[in-house]
Protein backbone atom coordinates (compact mmCIF):
# COMPACT_ATOMS: atom_id res chain seq x y z
CA MET A 1 2.60 -2.12 -8.76
CA THR A 2 5.40 -3.03 -6.38
CA THR A 3 5.34 -6.73 -5.39
CA THR A 4 6.76 -8.70 -2.68
CA ALA A 5 9.47 -10.07 -4.86
CA ASP A 6 10.51 -6.64 -5.50
CA MET A 7 10.83 -5.63 -1.83
CA ILE A 8 12.83 -8.90 -1.26
CA ALA A 9 15.02 -7.70 -3.96
CA ARG A 10 15.36 -4.17 -2.71
CA GLN A 11 16.51 -5.87 0.78
CA GLN A 12 19.51 -7.34 -0.61
CA PRO A 13 22.26 -6.30 1.90
CA LEU A 14 23.86 -2.88 1.47
CA ASP A 15 26.70 -1.52 3.28
CA SER A 16 26.90 2.30 3.40
CA GLY A 17 30.32 2.69 5.06
CA PHE A 18 28.55 3.73 8.26
CA GLY A 19 28.01 1.28 10.97
CA TYR A 20 26.66 0.12 14.38
CA ARG A 21 28.55 3.08 16.15
CA SER A 22 27.93 5.80 13.68
CA THR A 23 26.53 8.91 15.04
CA ALA A 24 23.84 11.25 13.81
CA ASP A 25 26.58 13.77 13.40
CA ASP A 26 28.72 11.26 11.44
CA VAL A 27 25.72 10.65 9.04
CA LEU A 28 24.91 14.29 8.39
CA ALA A 29 28.53 15.65 8.05
CA GLY A 30 28.59 17.88 5.13
CA TYR A 31 24.80 17.92 4.62
CA ASP A 32 23.32 21.48 4.13
CA PHE A 33 19.49 21.49 5.07
CA ALA A 34 19.26 25.23 5.00
CA GLY A 35 15.86 26.36 3.42
CA ARG A 36 14.43 22.87 4.15
CA SER A 37 11.94 21.68 6.82
CA ALA A 38 11.19 18.76 8.79
CA ILE A 39 8.61 17.42 11.22
CA VAL A 40 10.09 15.12 13.92
CA THR A 41 7.62 13.26 16.36
CA GLY A 42 9.09 12.59 19.51
CA GLY A 43 11.74 15.31 19.01
CA TYR A 44 12.14 16.52 22.66
CA SER A 45 13.44 13.36 24.22
CA GLY A 46 15.81 10.39 23.45
CA LEU A 47 16.42 9.78 19.82
CA GLY A 48 14.01 12.31 18.49
CA LEU A 49 15.85 15.08 20.40
CA GLU A 50 19.20 13.94 19.03
CA THR A 51 17.63 13.88 15.61
CA VAL A 52 16.30 17.41 16.05
CA ARG A 53 19.78 18.41 17.22
CA ALA A 54 21.37 17.10 14.03
CA LEU A 55 18.97 18.32 11.63
CA THR A 56 18.98 22.00 13.04
CA ALA A 57 22.78 22.09 13.24
CA ALA A 58 22.70 21.31 9.38
CA GLY A 59 20.54 24.13 8.85
CA ALA A 60 17.04 22.63 8.90
CA ALA A 61 13.82 24.20 10.18
CA VAL A 62 12.16 21.62 12.52
CA VAL A 63 8.56 21.43 13.65
CA VAL A 64 8.09 19.17 16.74
CA PRO A 65 4.56 18.12 17.50
CA ALA A 66 4.18 17.44 21.33
CA ARG A 67 1.58 16.02 23.79
CA ARG A 68 3.51 17.83 26.65
CA ARG A 69 4.41 21.26 25.00
CA ASP A 70 6.02 22.78 28.13
CA ALA A 71 8.45 19.94 28.38
CA ALA A 72 9.11 20.08 24.70
CA LYS A 73 9.91 23.81 24.90
CA ALA A 74 12.22 23.40 27.63
CA ALA A 75 14.10 20.51 26.02
CA LEU A 76 14.47 22.35 22.88
CA ALA A 77 15.08 25.79 24.27
CA ASP A 78 18.83 25.87 23.18
CA LEU A 79 18.28 24.79 19.49
CA PRO A 80 17.56 27.19 16.69
CA ASN A 81 15.00 27.13 14.15
CA VAL A 82 12.63 24.83 16.13
CA ARG A 83 8.84 25.27 16.67
CA VAL A 84 6.71 23.17 19.17
CA GLU A 85 3.20 22.58 18.20
CA ALA A 86 0.46 20.94 20.21
CA MET A 87 -0.31 17.12 19.16
CA ASP A 88 -1.43 14.04 20.87
CA LEU A 89 -0.40 10.98 18.46
CA GLY A 90 -3.09 8.86 20.33
CA ASP A 91 -5.86 11.06 19.38
CA LEU A 92 -6.66 11.38 15.64
CA GLU A 93 -8.52 14.70 16.14
CA SER A 94 -5.58 16.11 17.70
CA VAL A 95 -3.39 15.00 14.88
CA ALA A 96 -5.99 16.48 12.35
CA ALA A 97 -5.79 19.85 14.27
CA PHE A 98 -1.89 19.77 14.01
CA THR A 99 -1.88 19.03 10.27
CA ALA A 100 -4.63 21.63 9.50
CA GLY A 101 -2.21 24.13 11.14
CA ILE A 102 0.71 23.00 9.01
CA ARG A 103 -1.32 23.20 5.93
CA SER A 104 -2.57 26.58 6.69
CA LEU A 105 1.02 27.84 6.56
CA GLY A 106 1.22 26.30 3.13
CA ALA A 107 5.17 25.75 3.40
CA PRO A 108 6.78 22.67 1.72
CA VAL A 109 7.44 19.63 4.09
CA ASP A 110 10.72 18.08 3.24
CA LEU A 111 11.09 15.37 5.69
CA VAL A 112 8.85 13.74 8.27
CA ILE A 113 10.63 11.49 10.84
CA ASN A 114 8.22 9.48 12.85
CA VAL A 115 10.18 8.66 16.19
CA ALA A 116 7.71 8.81 18.80
CA GLY A 117 6.02 5.69 20.08
CA VAL A 118 5.02 3.79 23.33
CA MET A 119 6.37 0.22 24.21
CA ALA A 120 4.85 -2.61 26.21
CA CYS A 121 2.33 -0.49 27.88
CA PRO A 122 -0.70 -1.77 29.76
CA PHE A 123 -3.90 -2.34 27.73
CA ALA A 124 -5.77 0.88 26.75
CA LEU A 125 -7.83 2.12 23.85
CA THR A 126 -7.29 5.36 22.05
CA PRO A 127 -10.27 7.88 21.86
CA GLN A 128 -11.11 6.28 18.59
CA GLY A 129 -11.23 2.87 20.02
CA TRP A 130 -7.92 1.32 18.78
CA GLU A 131 -5.40 -0.55 20.98
CA SER A 132 -3.11 2.07 22.19
CA GLN A 133 0.27 0.84 20.78
CA PHE A 134 -1.32 0.31 17.29
CA GLY A 135 -3.28 3.58 17.57
CA ILE A 136 -0.19 5.69 18.69
CA ASN A 137 2.84 3.91 17.06
CA HIS A 138 0.96 3.30 13.59
CA LEU A 139 -2.27 5.34 13.01
CA GLY A 140 -1.31 8.47 14.70
CA HIS A 141 1.58 8.55 12.20
CA PHE A 142 -0.39 7.60 9.36
CA ALA A 143 -2.76 10.51 9.85
CA LEU A 144 0.19 12.91 10.38
CA VAL A 145 1.73 11.96 7.12
CA ALA A 146 -1.46 11.84 5.22
CA GLY A 147 -2.42 15.20 6.42
CA VAL A 148 0.65 16.87 5.31
CA ALA A 149 1.18 14.66 2.20
CA ASP A 150 0.07 17.45 -0.22
CA LEU A 151 2.78 19.76 1.10
CA MET A 152 5.73 17.24 0.34
CA PRO A 153 7.77 18.13 -2.80
CA SER A 154 9.73 15.74 -4.95
CA GLY A 155 12.75 14.55 -3.06
CA ALA A 156 10.90 14.60 0.20
CA ARG A 157 11.20 11.47 2.33
CA VAL A 158 9.16 9.81 5.04
CA VAL A 159 10.99 7.76 7.81
CA SER A 160 9.35 5.51 10.16
CA TYR A 161 10.86 4.26 13.38
CA SER A 162 10.16 0.29 13.44
CA SER A 163 12.06 -2.04 15.71
CA GLY A 164 13.63 -5.46 15.73
CA ALA A 165 10.67 -6.17 17.79
CA HIS A 166 8.64 -6.69 14.66
CA TYR A 167 9.83 -10.21 15.07
CA ARG A 168 7.20 -10.69 17.75
CA SER A 169 4.23 -10.52 15.56
CA PRO A 170 2.84 -9.80 12.12
CA VAL A 171 -0.25 -7.33 11.95
CA ARG A 172 -3.11 -9.54 13.41
CA PHE A 173 -5.75 -8.47 11.04
CA GLY A 174 -8.40 -10.58 12.64
CA ASP A 175 -7.69 -9.21 16.08
CA ILE A 176 -5.84 -5.84 15.91
CA ASN A 177 -7.30 -4.82 19.09
CA PHE A 178 -7.06 -8.01 21.12
CA ALA A 179 -10.76 -8.43 21.53
CA GLN A 180 -10.55 -12.20 21.00
CA LEU A 181 -7.19 -13.36 22.56
CA PRO A 182 -5.61 -12.07 25.92
CA TYR A 183 -3.63 -8.88 25.45
CA ASP A 184 0.02 -9.30 25.50
CA PRO A 185 1.92 -6.04 25.57
CA TRP A 186 4.89 -7.41 23.76
CA VAL A 187 2.89 -8.85 20.94
CA ALA A 188 1.05 -5.66 20.58
CA TYR A 189 4.12 -3.69 20.40
CA GLY A 190 5.47 -6.22 17.66
CA GLN A 191 2.36 -5.66 15.79
CA SER A 192 2.56 -1.91 15.93
CA LYS A 193 6.39 -2.16 14.71
CA THR A 194 5.33 -4.44 11.77
CA ALA A 195 2.73 -1.75 10.93
CA ASN A 196 5.37 0.99 11.00
CA ALA A 197 7.41 -1.17 8.22
CA LEU A 198 4.64 -1.95 6.12
CA PHE A 199 3.52 1.47 6.14
CA ALA A 200 6.71 2.40 4.44
CA VAL A 201 6.09 -0.19 1.86
CA ALA A 202 2.73 1.05 0.73
CA LEU A 203 3.34 4.66 0.94
CA ASP A 204 6.40 4.41 -1.05
CA ALA A 205 4.44 2.60 -3.73
CA ARG A 206 2.08 5.42 -3.90
CA ALA A 207 4.62 8.34 -3.65
CA ALA A 208 7.54 7.20 -5.66
CA GLU A 209 6.12 8.39 -8.88
CA ARG A 210 6.36 11.95 -7.40
CA GLY A 211 9.85 11.56 -6.28
CA ILE A 212 8.96 10.93 -2.60
CA HIS A 213 10.17 7.96 -0.79
CA ALA A 214 9.37 6.00 2.37
CA TYR A 215 11.77 3.93 4.60
CA SER A 216 11.48 2.11 7.95
CA LEU A 217 14.25 1.21 10.35
CA HIS A 218 15.43 -0.45 13.37
CA PRO A 219 17.30 2.08 15.62
CA GLY A 220 19.12 -0.55 17.76
CA GLY A 221 19.01 -1.21 21.54
CA ILE A 222 19.04 2.25 23.33
CA LEU A 223 17.91 2.84 27.05
CA THR A 224 15.64 5.92 26.65
CA ASP A 225 12.07 6.92 27.95
CA LEU A 226 10.62 4.46 25.66
CA GLN A 227 11.10 1.89 28.49
CA ARG A 228 9.01 3.99 30.89
CA HIS A 229 6.35 1.32 31.21
CA MET A 230 8.92 -1.48 32.16
CA PRO A 231 9.53 -2.17 35.69
CA ARG A 232 13.25 -1.68 36.84
CA GLU A 233 13.35 -5.38 37.90
CA GLU A 234 12.33 -6.45 34.18
CA LEU A 235 15.24 -4.04 32.78
CA ILE A 236 17.88 -5.77 34.98
CA ALA A 237 16.40 -8.96 34.18
CA ARG A 238 16.47 -8.58 30.52
CA ARG A 239 20.28 -7.13 31.10
CA TRP A 240 19.28 -3.85 29.65
CA MET A 241 20.65 -2.16 32.56
CA ASP A 242 22.66 -3.20 35.66
CA GLU A 243 21.74 -2.85 39.19
CA GLU A 244 23.23 0.77 39.28
CA GLY A 245 20.84 1.72 36.33
CA ASN A 246 23.67 1.84 33.70
CA PRO A 247 22.75 0.83 30.29
CA ASN A 248 24.06 -2.47 28.71
CA PRO A 249 27.47 -1.31 27.12
CA LEU A 250 26.28 -3.11 23.93
CA PHE A 251 23.55 -0.72 23.65
CA LYS A 252 23.85 2.39 21.41
CA THR A 253 23.93 5.78 22.83
CA PRO A 254 20.93 8.14 21.71
CA GLN A 255 23.44 9.85 19.15
CA GLU A 256 24.23 6.63 17.62
CA GLY A 257 20.59 5.36 17.89
CA ALA A 258 19.47 8.14 15.84
CA ALA A 259 22.09 7.77 12.97
CA THR A 260 20.07 5.25 11.10
CA GLY A 261 16.99 7.47 10.83
CA LEU A 262 18.98 10.15 9.42
CA TRP A 263 20.73 7.90 6.97
CA ALA A 264 17.46 6.64 5.77
CA ALA A 265 16.34 10.39 5.60
CA THR A 266 19.44 11.31 3.28
CA ALA A 267 21.31 8.42 1.74
CA PRO A 268 21.40 8.72 -2.06
CA GLU A 269 21.92 4.93 -2.43
CA LEU A 270 18.50 4.33 -1.10
CA ILE A 271 16.57 6.09 -3.92
CA ASP A 272 16.10 2.87 -5.90
CA ARG A 273 15.26 0.94 -2.46
CA GLY A 274 12.01 2.72 -1.55
CA GLY A 275 10.11 0.89 1.28
CA VAL A 276 13.16 -0.85 2.76
CA TYR A 277 13.69 -1.68 6.37
CA CYS A 278 17.09 -0.36 7.63
CA GLU A 279 19.49 -0.80 10.42
CA ASP A 280 22.89 0.38 11.54
CA CYS A 281 22.80 2.69 8.55
CA SER A 282 22.75 -0.43 6.28
CA ILE A 283 20.31 -2.99 4.81
CA LYS A 284 20.72 -6.55 6.21
CA GLY A 285 18.39 -8.58 4.15
CA VAL A 286 15.48 -10.73 4.72
CA VAL A 287 15.48 -13.55 7.50
CA PRO A 288 13.24 -16.67 7.93
CA ALA A 289 9.96 -16.64 9.70
CA ASP A 290 11.39 -18.85 12.44
CA HIS A 291 14.59 -16.51 12.80
CA ALA A 292 14.63 -15.48 16.55
CA ASP A 293 17.82 -13.53 16.88
CA MET A 294 16.89 -9.82 16.78
CA ALA A 295 20.58 -8.96 17.57
CA ALA A 296 21.68 -10.53 14.29
CA GLY A 297 19.52 -8.08 12.26
CA GLY A 298 17.38 -8.49 9.35
CA VAL A 299 13.72 -8.09 8.53
CA LYS A 300 10.98 -10.77 8.56
CA GLU A 301 9.17 -11.05 5.29
CA TRP A 302 5.89 -10.32 6.92
CA ALA A 303 7.01 -6.89 7.41
CA ILE A 304 7.59 -5.96 3.77
CA ASP A 305 4.82 -8.20 2.44
CA VAL A 306 3.13 -5.99 -0.19
CA ASP A 307 -0.31 -7.66 0.31
CA ALA A 308 -0.17 -7.16 4.13
CA ALA A 309 0.99 -3.62 3.37
CA GLU A 310 -1.97 -3.00 1.28
CA ARG A 311 -4.23 -4.53 3.62
CA LEU A 312 -2.93 -2.44 6.38
CA PHE A 313 -3.21 0.74 4.31
CA ALA A 314 -6.87 -0.04 3.64
CA VAL A 315 -7.41 -0.41 7.40
CA SER A 316 -5.56 2.87 7.86
CA VAL A 317 -7.61 4.90 5.41
CA ALA A 318 -10.85 3.55 6.82
CA ALA A 319 -9.77 4.45 10.46
CA THR A 320 -8.56 7.98 9.64
CA GLY A 321 -10.68 8.97 6.65
CA LEU A 322 -7.44 9.95 4.79
CA ASP A 323 -5.73 8.57 1.76
CA PRO A 324 -2.26 9.98 1.13
CA PHE A 325 -1.01 10.33 -2.45
CA ALA A 326 -4.43 9.00 -3.83
CA GLU A 327 -4.52 9.67 -7.61
């Protein structure tokens, strides 16, 4: 069984030759995905749309699950080999219906990239009673992967978008739904992003013997629809945009933001680094619990802690009734 010490060792810094300003096209240059298939959540806007563009340009067939199917079809209309199917990540019954449809086709699923998410939104519960950011960002993706796990061949990968915002909170196992303490949208977001990283740790531990690997990543600062719940005044105060609405010039473009996810999906040097947290098409190591500079990079140990990952996996199995890669 993988240990936290193993994960810390895997998180030793790694320089791929790509970097902060590398693009999705840079990372996939020379890759041929003909005959391979992918599922990309959030694939019709922002980083997800750039991910789908790059994958289809490399020959992949991509399924994009979408809560807003008409909007998705319009956004993806000019791309080949893309199919849009209905799915609401916040509703586990909707996710189950989507994965049942995928299983009915019986075709292999070579890649799952979990891009979709919500950030800093007002308090709400999913139909199954989970705090919405945890329910959408983590549980919906857990159920999606679990629902197609049996279709994944050796060599497949699962890539989950975490964030530097995992610095804000570990998973609060005693109060995931904020029933005891007042709701803080940023703490809830941080908890969900830690959950995304822990999911990669626990999933890889189960899938690696089948030749399947899982990774998480921080895509960097990018101004996209993810910030839709933040008032304009807050975006300006945080210097994420100027008074004219222009993004901070230090932010990445969506093409640059999509690069790390595609690197994690393809990099051969990650084969022996299953479960790691990536950023800027690299690995930057583990940082102390009191390290507060997200811009400097690195992962908190609580986001790669194996005991926490296993505890979260058990919570997720109980919540969804699904146990991916169970023996």
